[in-house]
């Protein structure tokens, strides 16, 4: 037979059960709190990782856009350089790739290259060593127009009448235009050398043309 349970032992068991129930409730509450903390921490980590991913994607897009812009600008400047060099540009080949040890803002570097090309594109003045060629241009222009004037004068002499009076005057005007034709020849020379006709080359051409015209007029008498 089972022995009867005393009131003291029953009360102790009830207290023990209550203590265990409180302990389980406390541990369950701690477990729920820990779980919520872990979930919140995980959500924060996911949010931070998502933001970092978006920032990385934005930086990658900006970098890709910068690379495309730099490549396009470099190709454009390379084409300008090839056009500036003319026939000698065949040795250049394709544009070079990025340098491994390059530093600084590539857009600033390209801006410097663009400025350098702009300065080299500006035509300069013909050197003093070109004076003989300039004088030759003046002399050739004068000789050509003098020969044309002789032809016009001969045409007037053959036809007679009013042409015999008017054509010699026209021939003289044509002959005096010789130095200006020399300037046209000198302009072509300057263009081929990417230069401009400043006052000095113009003076050389005009003086040579006038002297040649004067000498030819004297010799033709």
N, C-alpha and C. Protein backbone atom coordinates (compact mmCIF):
# COMPACT_ATOMS: atom_id res chain seq x y z
N UNK A 1 0.84 -1.20 0.00
CA UNK A 1 0.00 0.00 0.00
C UNK A 1 0.87 1.25 0.00
N UNK A 2 0.36 2.35 -0.68
CA UNK A 2 1.08 3.61 -0.69
C UNK A 2 0.91 4.32 0.61
N UNK A 3 2.04 4.92 0.99
CA UNK A 3 1.99 5.66 2.26
C UNK A 3 1.34 7.01 2.02
N UNK A 4 0.58 7.51 2.93
CA UNK A 4 -0.06 8.82 2.75
C UNK A 4 0.99 9.92 2.71
N UNK A 5 0.69 10.96 1.84
CA UNK A 5 1.61 12.10 1.71
C UNK A 5 1.24 13.12 2.76
N UNK A 6 2.23 13.53 3.47
CA UNK A 6 1.99 14.51 4.52
C UNK A 6 1.78 15.88 3.89
N UNK A 7 1.14 16.74 4.67
CA UNK A 7 0.86 18.10 4.16
C UNK A 7 2.14 18.88 3.93
N UNK A 8 3.15 18.63 4.76
CA UNK A 8 4.42 19.36 4.57
C UNK A 8 5.08 18.95 3.26
N UNK A 9 5.13 17.69 2.96
CA UNK A 9 5.78 17.26 1.73
C UNK A 9 4.97 17.68 0.51
N UNK A 10 3.65 17.71 0.59
CA UNK A 10 2.85 18.19 -0.54
C UNK A 10 3.09 19.66 -0.80
N UNK A 11 3.13 20.41 0.28
CA UNK A 11 3.39 21.86 0.14
C UNK A 11 4.76 22.10 -0.47
N UNK A 12 5.73 21.27 -0.08
CA UNK A 12 7.08 21.42 -0.63
C UNK A 12 7.08 21.11 -2.13
N UNK A 13 6.33 20.09 -2.52
CA UNK A 13 6.26 19.74 -3.93
C UNK A 13 5.58 20.85 -4.73
N UNK A 14 4.56 21.45 -4.14
CA UNK A 14 3.88 22.56 -4.84
C UNK A 14 4.83 23.74 -5.01
N UNK A 15 5.59 24.04 -3.95
CA UNK A 15 6.56 25.13 -4.05
C UNK A 15 7.63 24.81 -5.09
N UNK A 16 8.06 23.55 -5.09
CA UNK A 16 9.07 23.12 -6.07
C UNK A 16 8.54 23.26 -7.48
N UNK A 17 7.24 22.88 -7.68
CA UNK A 17 6.64 23.01 -9.00
C UNK A 17 6.52 24.46 -9.42
N UNK A 18 6.16 25.30 -8.46
CA UNK A 18 6.05 26.73 -8.76
C UNK A 18 7.40 27.31 -9.14
N UNK A 19 8.44 26.89 -8.38
CA UNK A 19 9.79 27.39 -8.70
C UNK A 19 10.22 26.95 -10.10
N UNK A 20 9.97 25.68 -10.41
CA UNK A 20 10.34 25.19 -11.72
C UNK A 20 9.56 25.89 -12.83
N UNK A 21 8.27 26.15 -12.55
CA UNK A 21 7.45 26.85 -13.55
C UNK A 21 7.98 28.26 -13.78
N UNK A 22 8.33 28.95 -12.69
CA UNK A 22 8.91 30.31 -12.84
C UNK A 22 10.23 30.27 -13.59
N UNK A 23 11.04 29.25 -13.28
CA UNK A 23 12.34 29.15 -13.96
C UNK A 23 12.15 28.89 -15.46
N UNK A 24 11.20 28.00 -15.79
CA UNK A 24 10.93 27.71 -17.20
C UNK A 24 10.41 28.96 -17.91
N UNK A 25 9.51 29.70 -17.19
CA UNK A 25 8.97 30.91 -17.79
C UNK A 25 10.09 31.94 -18.03
N UNK A 26 10.99 32.06 -17.07
CA UNK A 26 12.09 33.01 -17.20
C UNK A 26 13.02 32.61 -18.35
N UNK A 27 13.36 31.32 -18.39
CA UNK A 27 14.24 30.86 -19.46
C UNK A 27 13.57 31.00 -20.83
N UNK A 28 12.24 30.74 -20.86
CA UNK A 28 11.54 30.91 -22.13
C UNK A 28 11.54 32.37 -22.57
N UNK A 29 11.33 33.27 -21.61
CA UNK A 29 11.36 34.70 -21.93
C UNK A 29 12.75 35.12 -22.40
N UNK A 30 13.79 34.61 -21.73
CA UNK A 30 15.16 34.92 -22.15
C UNK A 30 15.44 34.39 -23.56
N UNK A 31 14.93 33.18 -23.82
CA UNK A 31 15.13 32.59 -25.15
C UNK A 31 14.42 33.41 -26.22
N UNK A 32 13.19 33.87 -25.92
CA UNK A 32 12.47 34.71 -26.88
C UNK A 32 13.20 36.03 -27.10
N UNK A 33 13.68 36.62 -25.99
CA UNK A 33 14.41 37.89 -26.11
C UNK A 33 15.68 37.71 -26.92
N UNK A 34 16.41 36.62 -26.66
CA UNK A 34 17.65 36.36 -27.43
C UNK A 34 17.34 36.15 -28.91
N UNK A 35 16.25 35.42 -29.16
CA UNK A 35 15.88 35.16 -30.55
C UNK A 35 15.51 36.46 -31.26
N UNK A 36 14.76 37.33 -30.57
CA UNK A 36 14.40 38.61 -31.18
C UNK A 36 15.62 39.47 -31.42
N UNK A 37 16.57 39.45 -30.47
CA UNK A 37 17.81 40.21 -30.65
C UNK A 37 18.60 39.69 -31.86
N UNK A 38 18.67 38.37 -31.97
CA UNK A 38 19.40 37.79 -33.10
C UNK A 38 18.71 38.12 -34.42
N UNK A 39 17.39 38.08 -34.44
CA UNK A 39 16.65 38.43 -35.66
C UNK A 39 16.86 39.89 -36.04
N UNK A 40 16.80 40.75 -35.00
CA UNK A 40 17.02 42.17 -35.27
C UNK A 40 18.44 42.42 -35.78
N UNK A 41 19.43 41.74 -35.15
CA UNK A 41 20.81 41.89 -35.60
C UNK A 41 20.98 41.37 -37.03
N UNK A 42 20.33 40.26 -37.33
CA UNK A 42 20.41 39.70 -38.68
C UNK A 42 19.76 40.64 -39.69
N UNK A 43 18.63 41.24 -39.32
CA UNK A 43 17.98 42.18 -40.22
C UNK A 43 18.85 43.41 -40.46
N UNK A 44 19.48 43.90 -39.37
CA UNK A 44 20.38 45.04 -39.54
C UNK A 44 21.56 44.67 -40.44
N UNK A 45 22.10 43.48 -40.26
CA UNK A 45 23.23 43.04 -41.08
C UNK A 45 22.82 42.92 -42.55
N UNK A 46 21.60 42.37 -42.77
CA UNK A 46 21.12 42.26 -44.14
C UNK A 46 20.91 43.63 -44.76
N UNK A 47 20.33 44.57 -43.96
CA UNK A 47 20.11 45.93 -44.47
C UNK A 47 21.43 46.62 -44.79
N UNK A 48 22.43 46.47 -43.90
CA UNK A 48 23.74 47.07 -44.16
C UNK A 48 24.40 46.45 -45.38
N UNK A 49 24.30 45.11 -45.49
CA UNK A 49 24.88 44.45 -46.65
C UNK A 49 24.19 44.89 -47.94
N UNK A 50 22.85 45.05 -47.89
CA UNK A 50 22.12 45.51 -49.06
C UNK A 50 22.54 46.92 -49.46
N UNK A 51 22.71 47.80 -48.47
CA UNK A 51 23.14 49.16 -48.75
C UNK A 51 24.56 49.19 -49.31
N UNK A 52 25.43 48.35 -48.75
CA UNK A 52 26.78 48.27 -49.28
C UNK A 52 26.80 47.75 -50.71
N UNK A 53 25.91 46.77 -50.99
CA UNK A 53 25.81 46.25 -52.35
C UNK A 53 25.34 47.33 -53.32
N UNK A 54 24.32 48.11 -52.89
CA UNK A 54 23.84 49.18 -53.75
C UNK A 54 24.93 50.23 -53.98
N UNK A 55 25.67 50.57 -52.92
CA UNK A 55 26.76 51.54 -53.05
C UNK A 55 27.84 51.02 -53.99
N UNK A 56 28.15 49.72 -53.85
CA UNK A 56 29.15 49.12 -54.74
C UNK A 56 28.67 49.13 -56.19
N UNK A 57 27.37 48.86 -56.39
CA UNK A 57 26.83 48.89 -57.75
C UNK A 57 26.88 50.31 -58.33
N UNK A 58 26.57 51.33 -57.48
CA UNK A 58 26.66 52.71 -57.96
C UNK A 58 28.10 53.06 -58.31
N UNK A 59 29.04 52.68 -57.45
CA UNK A 59 30.45 52.96 -57.74
C UNK A 59 30.91 52.24 -59.00
N UNK A 60 30.46 50.99 -59.17
CA UNK A 60 30.83 50.26 -60.38
C UNK A 60 30.26 50.92 -61.63
N UNK A 61 28.99 51.41 -61.53
CA UNK A 61 28.39 52.10 -62.68
C UNK A 61 29.13 53.39 -62.98
N UNK A 62 29.49 54.15 -61.92
CA UNK A 62 30.25 55.39 -62.14
C UNK A 62 31.62 55.09 -62.75
N UNK A 63 32.27 54.04 -62.24
CA UNK A 63 33.59 53.68 -62.78
C UNK A 63 33.47 53.24 -64.24
N UNK A 64 32.42 52.47 -64.55
CA UNK A 64 32.22 52.02 -65.93
C UNK A 64 31.96 53.21 -66.85
N UNK A 65 31.16 54.16 -66.38
CA UNK A 65 30.90 55.36 -67.18
C UNK A 65 32.17 56.18 -67.38
N UNK A 66 32.99 56.28 -66.31
CA UNK A 66 34.25 57.02 -66.43
C UNK A 66 35.19 56.34 -67.42
N UNK A 67 35.26 55.01 -67.35
CA UNK A 67 36.13 54.27 -68.28
C UNK A 67 35.68 54.49 -69.72
N UNK A 68 34.37 54.40 -69.96
CA UNK A 68 33.87 54.61 -71.31
C UNK A 68 34.14 56.03 -71.78
N UNK A 69 33.98 56.99 -70.88
CA UNK A 69 34.24 58.40 -71.25
C UNK A 69 35.71 58.62 -71.56
N UNK A 70 36.58 58.06 -70.71
CA UNK A 70 38.02 58.21 -70.93
C UNK A 70 38.45 57.52 -72.22
N UNK A 71 37.93 56.31 -72.46
CA UNK A 71 38.29 55.59 -73.69
C UNK A 71 37.85 56.36 -74.92
N UNK A 72 36.63 56.91 -74.89
CA UNK A 72 36.14 57.66 -76.04
C UNK A 72 36.97 58.92 -76.27
N UNK A 73 37.29 59.62 -75.18
CA UNK A 73 38.09 60.84 -75.32
C UNK A 73 39.50 60.52 -75.79
N UNK A 74 40.08 59.44 -75.26
CA UNK A 74 41.43 59.05 -75.68
C UNK A 74 41.44 58.67 -77.16
N UNK A 75 40.41 57.94 -77.61
CA UNK A 75 40.35 57.58 -79.03
C UNK A 75 40.20 58.81 -79.91
N UNK A 76 39.40 59.78 -79.43
CA UNK A 76 39.21 61.01 -80.21
C UNK A 76 40.52 61.79 -80.31
N UNK A 77 41.23 61.92 -79.19
CA UNK A 77 42.51 62.63 -79.20
C UNK A 77 43.55 61.89 -80.05
N UNK A 78 43.47 60.56 -80.01
CA UNK A 78 44.41 59.77 -80.83
C UNK A 78 44.15 60.02 -82.32
N UNK A 79 42.88 60.11 -82.69
CA UNK A 79 42.55 60.40 -84.09
C UNK A 79 43.03 61.80 -84.47
N UNK A 80 42.91 62.75 -83.55
CA UNK A 80 43.40 64.09 -83.84
C UNK A 80 44.92 64.08 -84.03
N UNK A 81 45.61 63.31 -83.20
CA UNK A 81 47.06 63.21 -83.34
C UNK A 81 47.44 62.58 -84.67
N UNK A 82 46.74 61.54 -85.08
CA UNK A 82 47.02 60.90 -86.36
C UNK A 82 46.78 61.87 -87.51
N UNK A 83 45.69 62.64 -87.41
CA UNK A 83 45.41 63.63 -88.46
C UNK A 83 46.48 64.73 -88.47
N UNK A 84 46.99 65.05 -87.29
CA UNK A 84 48.03 66.09 -87.21
C UNK A 84 49.34 65.62 -87.83
N UNK A 85 49.66 64.34 -87.65
CA UNK A 85 50.92 63.82 -88.16
C UNK A 85 50.84 63.46 -89.64
N UNK A 86 49.63 63.24 -90.15
CA UNK A 86 49.49 62.94 -91.57
C UNK A 86 49.98 61.55 -91.91
N UNK A 87 50.84 61.48 -92.94
CA UNK A 87 51.32 60.18 -93.42
C UNK A 87 52.17 59.47 -92.38
N UNK A 88 52.82 60.21 -91.50
CA UNK A 88 53.66 59.59 -90.48
C UNK A 88 52.88 58.90 -89.38
N UNK A 89 51.54 59.05 -89.39
CA UNK A 89 50.73 58.43 -88.34
C UNK A 89 50.57 56.94 -88.53
N UNK A 90 50.99 56.39 -89.66
CA UNK A 90 50.83 54.94 -89.87
C UNK A 90 51.63 54.14 -88.86
N UNK A 91 52.72 54.71 -88.37
CA UNK A 91 53.55 53.99 -87.40
C UNK A 91 52.95 53.99 -86.01
N UNK A 92 51.94 54.79 -85.78
CA UNK A 92 51.37 54.89 -84.43
C UNK A 92 50.55 53.66 -84.07
N UNK A 93 49.81 53.13 -85.02
CA UNK A 93 48.96 51.98 -84.72
C UNK A 93 47.72 52.39 -83.92
N UNK A 94 47.26 51.45 -83.10
CA UNK A 94 46.07 51.69 -82.28
C UNK A 94 46.43 52.49 -81.03
N UNK A 95 45.42 53.11 -80.39
CA UNK A 95 45.70 53.85 -79.16
C UNK A 95 46.28 52.93 -78.08
N UNK A 96 47.24 53.41 -77.29
CA UNK A 96 47.83 52.57 -76.24
C UNK A 96 46.83 52.32 -75.11
N UNK A 97 47.03 51.23 -74.40
CA UNK A 97 46.17 50.91 -73.26
C UNK A 97 46.56 51.72 -72.04
N UNK A 98 45.79 51.59 -70.96
CA UNK A 98 46.09 52.36 -69.74
C UNK A 98 47.41 51.91 -69.12
N UNK A 99 48.16 52.89 -68.62
CA UNK A 99 49.44 52.59 -67.97
C UNK A 99 49.19 52.05 -66.56
N UNK A 100 49.96 51.06 -66.18
CA UNK A 100 49.76 50.45 -64.86
C UNK A 100 50.13 51.38 -63.72
N UNK A 101 51.15 52.21 -63.94
CA UNK A 101 51.61 53.10 -62.87
C UNK A 101 51.01 54.49 -63.00
N UNK A 102 49.94 54.64 -63.80
CA UNK A 102 49.32 55.96 -63.97
C UNK A 102 48.60 56.36 -62.68
N UNK A 103 48.68 57.63 -62.35
CA UNK A 103 48.02 58.16 -61.16
C UNK A 103 47.38 59.49 -61.50
N UNK A 104 46.44 59.91 -60.66
CA UNK A 104 45.77 61.17 -60.90
C UNK A 104 44.46 60.99 -61.64
N UNK A 105 43.76 62.11 -61.80
CA UNK A 105 42.47 62.10 -62.48
C UNK A 105 42.70 61.95 -63.98
N UNK A 106 42.16 60.89 -64.60
CA UNK A 106 42.39 60.72 -66.04
C UNK A 106 41.78 61.84 -66.88
N UNK A 107 40.68 62.44 -66.40
CA UNK A 107 40.07 63.52 -67.15
C UNK A 107 40.97 64.75 -67.18
N UNK A 108 41.67 65.01 -66.07
CA UNK A 108 42.61 66.13 -66.05
C UNK A 108 43.79 65.85 -66.98
N UNK A 109 44.26 64.60 -66.99
CA UNK A 109 45.36 64.25 -67.90
C UNK A 109 44.93 64.41 -69.36
N UNK A 110 43.72 63.97 -69.68
CA UNK A 110 43.23 64.13 -71.04
C UNK A 110 43.04 65.60 -71.40
N UNK A 111 42.63 66.39 -70.42
CA UNK A 111 42.49 67.83 -70.66
C UNK A 111 43.85 68.45 -71.01
N UNK A 112 44.91 67.99 -70.32
CA UNK A 112 46.24 68.47 -70.64
C UNK A 112 46.67 68.07 -72.04
N UNK A 113 46.36 66.83 -72.42
CA UNK A 113 46.69 66.36 -73.78
C UNK A 113 45.93 67.17 -74.81
N UNK A 114 44.65 67.45 -74.52
CA UNK A 114 43.85 68.24 -75.46
C UNK A 114 44.44 69.64 -75.63
N UNK A 115 44.88 70.24 -74.53
CA UNK A 115 45.50 71.56 -74.63
C UNK A 115 46.78 71.53 -75.43
N UNK A 116 47.57 70.46 -75.24
CA UNK A 116 48.82 70.33 -76.00
C UNK A 116 48.54 70.21 -77.50
N UNK A 117 47.53 69.41 -77.85
CA UNK A 117 47.17 69.27 -79.27
C UNK A 117 46.66 70.59 -79.84
N UNK A 118 45.90 71.34 -79.03
CA UNK A 118 45.40 72.63 -79.51
C UNK A 118 46.55 73.59 -79.77
N UNK A 119 47.55 73.55 -78.89
CA UNK A 119 48.71 74.45 -79.11
C UNK A 119 49.50 74.04 -80.34
N UNK A 120 49.68 72.75 -80.54
CA UNK A 120 50.43 72.32 -81.72
C UNK A 120 49.64 72.52 -83.00
N UNK A 121 48.30 72.58 -82.89
CA UNK A 121 47.48 72.78 -84.07
C UNK A 121 47.54 74.22 -84.55
N UNK A 122 47.86 75.15 -83.67
CA UNK A 122 47.92 76.54 -84.06
C UNK A 122 49.09 76.77 -85.02
N UNK A 123 48.83 77.35 -86.18
CA UNK A 123 49.91 77.55 -87.14
C UNK A 123 50.92 78.58 -86.65
N UNK A 124 52.16 78.32 -86.96
CA UNK A 124 53.22 79.25 -86.59
C UNK A 124 53.65 80.10 -87.78
N UNK A 125 54.78 80.74 -87.62
CA UNK A 125 55.30 81.60 -88.68
C UNK A 125 56.38 80.86 -89.44
N UNK A 126 56.46 81.12 -90.73
CA UNK A 126 57.50 80.50 -91.54
C UNK A 126 58.87 80.97 -91.06
N UNK A 127 59.82 80.05 -90.93
CA UNK A 127 61.15 80.46 -90.45
C UNK A 127 61.89 81.28 -91.51
N UNK A 128 62.97 81.91 -91.06
CA UNK A 128 63.78 82.71 -91.98
C UNK A 128 64.42 81.86 -93.06
N UNK A 129 64.61 80.56 -92.78
CA UNK A 129 65.20 79.68 -93.78
C UNK A 129 64.31 79.50 -95.00
N UNK A 130 63.01 79.87 -94.88
CA UNK A 130 62.09 79.75 -96.01
C UNK A 130 62.10 80.99 -96.90
N UNK A 131 62.91 82.00 -96.56
CA UNK A 131 62.94 83.22 -97.37
C UNK A 131 63.30 82.97 -98.83
N UNK A 132 64.27 82.11 -99.14
CA UNK A 132 64.55 81.86 -100.57
C UNK A 132 63.35 81.28 -101.32
N UNK A 133 62.61 80.38 -100.67
CA UNK A 133 61.42 79.84 -101.31
C UNK A 133 60.35 80.92 -101.49
N UNK A 134 60.22 81.78 -100.50
CA UNK A 134 59.25 82.87 -100.61
C UNK A 134 59.63 83.82 -101.75
N UNK A 135 60.92 84.13 -101.85
CA UNK A 135 61.38 84.99 -102.95
C UNK A 135 61.13 84.31 -104.30
N UNK A 136 61.33 82.99 -104.32
CA UNK A 136 61.08 82.26 -105.56
C UNK A 136 59.60 82.31 -105.92
N UNK A 137 58.72 82.22 -104.92
CA UNK A 137 57.28 82.33 -105.19
C UNK A 137 56.96 83.69 -105.81
N UNK A 138 57.53 84.75 -105.25
CA UNK A 138 57.30 86.08 -105.81
C UNK A 138 57.81 86.20 -107.23
N UNK A 139 59.00 85.64 -107.47
CA UNK A 139 59.59 85.72 -108.81
C UNK A 139 58.78 84.91 -109.82
N UNK A 140 58.36 83.70 -109.42
CA UNK A 140 57.58 82.85 -110.33
C UNK A 140 56.24 83.50 -110.65
N UNK A 141 55.59 84.05 -109.63
CA UNK A 141 54.31 84.72 -109.88
C UNK A 141 54.47 85.90 -110.82
N UNK A 142 55.51 86.67 -110.60
CA UNK A 142 55.75 87.81 -111.49
C UNK A 142 56.05 87.36 -112.91
N UNK A 143 56.86 86.29 -113.04
CA UNK A 143 57.21 85.80 -114.38
C UNK A 143 55.98 85.25 -115.10
N UNK A 144 55.12 84.54 -114.39
CA UNK A 144 53.92 84.00 -115.02
C UNK A 144 53.00 85.11 -115.53
N UNK A 145 52.78 86.11 -114.70
CA UNK A 145 51.89 87.20 -115.10
C UNK A 145 52.53 88.05 -116.19
N UNK A 146 53.87 88.17 -116.17
CA UNK A 146 54.54 88.91 -117.24
C UNK A 146 54.37 88.18 -118.57
N UNK A 147 54.52 86.84 -118.53
CA UNK A 147 54.34 86.06 -119.75
C UNK A 147 52.90 86.18 -120.25
N UNK A 148 51.93 86.17 -119.31
CA UNK A 148 50.53 86.33 -119.72
C UNK A 148 50.30 87.71 -120.31
N UNK A 149 50.96 88.72 -119.73
CA UNK A 149 50.84 90.07 -120.27
C UNK A 149 51.42 90.18 -121.67
N UNK A 150 52.55 89.52 -121.90
CA UNK A 150 53.12 89.51 -123.25
C UNK A 150 52.15 88.89 -124.25
N UNK A 151 51.51 87.80 -123.84
CA UNK A 151 50.55 87.17 -124.74
C UNK A 151 49.39 88.09 -125.06
N UNK A 152 48.88 88.81 -124.04
CA UNK A 152 47.76 89.73 -124.28
C UNK A 152 48.21 90.88 -125.19
N UNK A 153 49.42 91.39 -124.96
CA UNK A 153 49.93 92.49 -125.79
C UNK A 153 50.11 92.02 -127.25
N UNK A 154 50.61 90.80 -127.42
CA UNK A 154 50.78 90.28 -128.78
C UNK A 154 49.43 90.09 -129.46
N UNK A 155 48.42 89.67 -128.69
CA UNK A 155 47.08 89.51 -129.26
C UNK A 155 46.54 90.84 -129.74
N UNK A 156 46.77 91.90 -128.95
CA UNK A 156 46.32 93.23 -129.37
C UNK A 156 47.03 93.72 -130.60
N UNK A 157 48.32 93.41 -130.69
CA UNK A 157 49.08 93.86 -131.86
C UNK A 157 48.60 93.15 -133.13
N UNK A 158 48.17 91.91 -133.03
CA UNK A 158 47.72 91.18 -134.21
C UNK A 158 46.34 91.63 -134.67
N UNK A 159 45.48 92.02 -133.74
CA UNK A 159 44.11 92.35 -134.11
C UNK A 159 43.95 93.80 -134.55
N UNK A 160 44.70 94.70 -133.97
CA UNK A 160 44.57 96.10 -134.36
C UNK A 160 43.27 96.71 -133.86
N UNK A 161 42.99 97.91 -134.27
CA UNK A 161 41.76 98.59 -133.87
C UNK A 161 41.75 98.92 -132.39
N UNK A 162 40.53 98.82 -131.82
CA UNK A 162 40.38 99.13 -130.39
C UNK A 162 41.15 98.15 -129.52
N UNK A 163 41.25 96.90 -129.94
CA UNK A 163 42.00 95.90 -129.16
C UNK A 163 43.47 96.28 -129.08
N UNK A 164 43.99 96.87 -130.12
CA UNK A 164 45.40 97.28 -130.10
C UNK A 164 45.65 98.38 -129.08
N UNK A 165 44.59 99.11 -128.72
CA UNK A 165 44.72 100.18 -127.71
C UNK A 165 44.42 99.64 -126.31
N UNK A 166 43.39 98.82 -126.18
CA UNK A 166 42.96 98.38 -124.86
C UNK A 166 43.76 97.21 -124.29
N UNK A 167 44.15 96.30 -125.16
CA UNK A 167 44.85 95.10 -124.65
C UNK A 167 46.22 95.42 -124.05
N UNK A 168 47.00 96.34 -124.57
CA UNK A 168 48.26 96.66 -123.89
C UNK A 168 48.06 97.20 -122.46
N UNK A 169 46.98 97.97 -122.29
CA UNK A 169 46.68 98.45 -120.93
C UNK A 169 46.33 97.28 -120.02
N UNK A 170 45.51 96.36 -120.55
CA UNK A 170 45.16 95.17 -119.79
C UNK A 170 46.41 94.33 -119.51
N UNK A 171 47.31 94.25 -120.49
CA UNK A 171 48.53 93.47 -120.29
C UNK A 171 49.38 94.07 -119.17
N UNK A 172 49.42 95.42 -119.11
CA UNK A 172 50.19 96.07 -118.04
C UNK A 172 49.58 95.78 -116.67
N UNK A 173 48.25 95.83 -116.59
CA UNK A 173 47.58 95.53 -115.32
C UNK A 173 47.85 94.09 -114.89
N UNK A 174 47.76 93.17 -115.85
CA UNK A 174 48.02 91.76 -115.55
C UNK A 174 49.45 91.58 -115.08
N UNK A 175 50.38 92.26 -115.73
CA UNK A 175 51.80 92.14 -115.35
C UNK A 175 52.02 92.64 -113.93
N UNK A 176 51.37 93.73 -113.56
CA UNK A 176 51.54 94.29 -112.22
C UNK A 176 50.90 93.41 -111.13
N UNK A 177 50.04 92.50 -111.55
CA UNK A 177 49.43 91.58 -110.57
C UNK A 177 50.34 90.41 -110.23
N UNK A 178 51.51 90.33 -110.84
CA UNK A 178 52.43 89.22 -110.61
C UNK A 178 52.79 89.00 -109.15
N UNK A 179 53.15 90.06 -108.39
CA UNK A 179 53.47 89.85 -106.97
C UNK A 179 52.32 89.25 -106.17
N UNK A 180 51.07 89.60 -106.53
CA UNK A 180 49.93 89.03 -105.82
C UNK A 180 49.78 87.55 -106.12
N UNK A 181 50.07 87.15 -107.34
CA UNK A 181 50.08 85.72 -107.66
C UNK A 181 51.16 85.01 -106.87
N UNK A 182 52.29 85.69 -106.69
CA UNK A 182 53.34 85.13 -105.84
C UNK A 182 52.87 84.93 -104.42
N UNK A 183 52.04 85.83 -103.94
CA UNK A 183 51.47 85.65 -102.59
C UNK A 183 50.58 84.41 -102.52
N UNK A 184 49.84 84.14 -103.58
CA UNK A 184 49.00 82.94 -103.60
C UNK A 184 49.87 81.68 -103.54
N UNK A 185 50.97 81.69 -104.29
CA UNK A 185 51.89 80.54 -104.23
C UNK A 185 52.51 80.41 -102.84
N UNK A 186 52.88 81.53 -102.24
CA UNK A 186 53.46 81.49 -100.90
C UNK A 186 52.44 81.01 -99.87
N UNK A 187 51.16 81.35 -100.09
CA UNK A 187 50.11 80.88 -99.17
C UNK A 187 50.00 79.36 -99.21
N UNK A 188 50.10 78.77 -100.39
CA UNK A 188 50.07 77.32 -100.49
C UNK A 188 51.28 76.70 -99.80
N UNK A 189 52.43 77.34 -99.94
CA UNK A 189 53.62 76.85 -99.26
C UNK A 189 53.43 76.89 -97.74
N UNK A 190 52.88 77.99 -97.25
CA UNK A 190 52.66 78.12 -95.81
C UNK A 190 51.65 77.10 -95.32
N UNK A 191 50.60 76.84 -96.08
CA UNK A 191 49.59 75.86 -95.67
C UNK A 191 50.19 74.46 -95.58
N UNK A 192 51.06 74.12 -96.49
CA UNK A 192 51.68 72.80 -96.45
C UNK A 192 52.58 72.64 -95.24
N UNK A 193 53.10 73.75 -94.74
CA UNK A 193 53.96 73.71 -93.55
C UNK A 193 53.21 74.10 -92.28
N UNK A 194 51.87 74.19 -92.39
CA UNK A 194 51.03 74.54 -91.23
C UNK A 194 51.50 75.85 -90.60
N UNK A 195 51.70 76.83 -91.43
CA UNK A 195 52.16 78.14 -90.97
C UNK A 195 51.25 79.22 -91.57
N UNK A 196 51.48 80.45 -91.13
CA UNK A 196 50.72 81.59 -91.62
C UNK A 196 51.67 82.57 -92.28
N UNK A 197 51.11 83.37 -93.15
CA UNK A 197 51.91 84.41 -93.80
C UNK A 197 51.88 85.66 -92.93
N UNK A 198 52.95 85.87 -92.21
CA UNK A 198 53.09 87.06 -91.38
C UNK A 198 53.64 88.21 -92.23
N UNK A 199 53.78 89.40 -91.68
CA UNK A 199 54.29 90.52 -92.49
C UNK A 199 55.65 90.27 -93.12
N UNK A 200 56.54 89.56 -92.44
CA UNK A 200 57.87 89.33 -93.02
C UNK A 200 57.81 88.49 -94.29
N UNK A 201 57.15 87.30 -94.29
CA UNK A 201 57.06 86.55 -95.55
C UNK A 201 56.34 87.31 -96.65
N UNK A 202 55.29 88.05 -96.29
CA UNK A 202 54.57 88.83 -97.31
C UNK A 202 55.49 89.86 -97.94
N UNK A 203 56.29 90.53 -97.11
CA UNK A 203 57.23 91.53 -97.63
C UNK A 203 58.25 90.89 -98.57
N UNK A 204 58.77 89.72 -98.18
CA UNK A 204 59.75 89.04 -99.02
C UNK A 204 59.15 88.70 -100.39
N UNK A 205 57.92 88.18 -100.39
CA UNK A 205 57.27 87.80 -101.65
C UNK A 205 57.01 89.03 -102.52
N UNK A 206 56.47 90.07 -101.91
CA UNK A 206 56.13 91.27 -102.69
C UNK A 206 57.39 91.94 -103.26
N UNK A 207 58.43 92.04 -102.44
CA UNK A 207 59.67 92.66 -102.92
C UNK A 207 60.26 91.86 -104.07
N UNK A 208 60.31 90.52 -103.90
CA UNK A 208 60.84 89.67 -104.97
C UNK A 208 59.99 89.78 -106.23
N UNK A 209 58.67 89.82 -106.06
CA UNK A 209 57.79 89.95 -107.22
C UNK A 209 57.94 91.27 -107.93
N UNK A 210 58.02 92.35 -107.13
CA UNK A 210 58.18 93.67 -107.75
C UNK A 210 59.52 93.80 -108.46
N UNK A 211 60.57 93.30 -107.84
CA UNK A 211 61.89 93.37 -108.47
C UNK A 211 61.90 92.57 -109.77
N UNK A 212 61.32 91.37 -109.73
CA UNK A 212 61.26 90.54 -110.94
C UNK A 212 60.44 91.22 -112.03
N UNK A 213 59.32 91.80 -111.65
CA UNK A 213 58.48 92.50 -112.63
C UNK A 213 59.23 93.69 -113.24
N UNK A 214 59.92 94.44 -112.38
CA UNK A 214 60.67 95.57 -112.89
C UNK A 214 61.78 95.15 -113.84
N UNK A 215 62.50 94.10 -113.47
CA UNK A 215 63.60 93.64 -114.33
C UNK A 215 63.05 93.15 -115.67
N UNK A 216 61.95 92.40 -115.64
CA UNK A 216 61.38 91.89 -116.89
C UNK A 216 60.86 93.02 -117.77
N UNK A 217 60.27 94.05 -117.17
CA UNK A 217 59.78 95.19 -117.96
C UNK A 217 60.94 95.92 -118.63
N UNK A 218 62.05 96.05 -117.88
CA UNK A 218 63.23 96.72 -118.45
C UNK A 218 63.81 95.91 -119.58
N UNK A 219 63.89 94.57 -119.38
CA UNK A 219 64.45 93.72 -120.42
C UNK A 219 63.56 93.64 -121.65
N UNK A 220 62.26 93.82 -121.47
CA UNK A 220 61.34 93.70 -122.59
C UNK A 220 61.34 94.93 -123.50
N UNK A 221 61.96 96.03 -123.10
CA UNK A 221 61.96 97.23 -123.92
C UNK A 221 62.89 97.09 -125.11
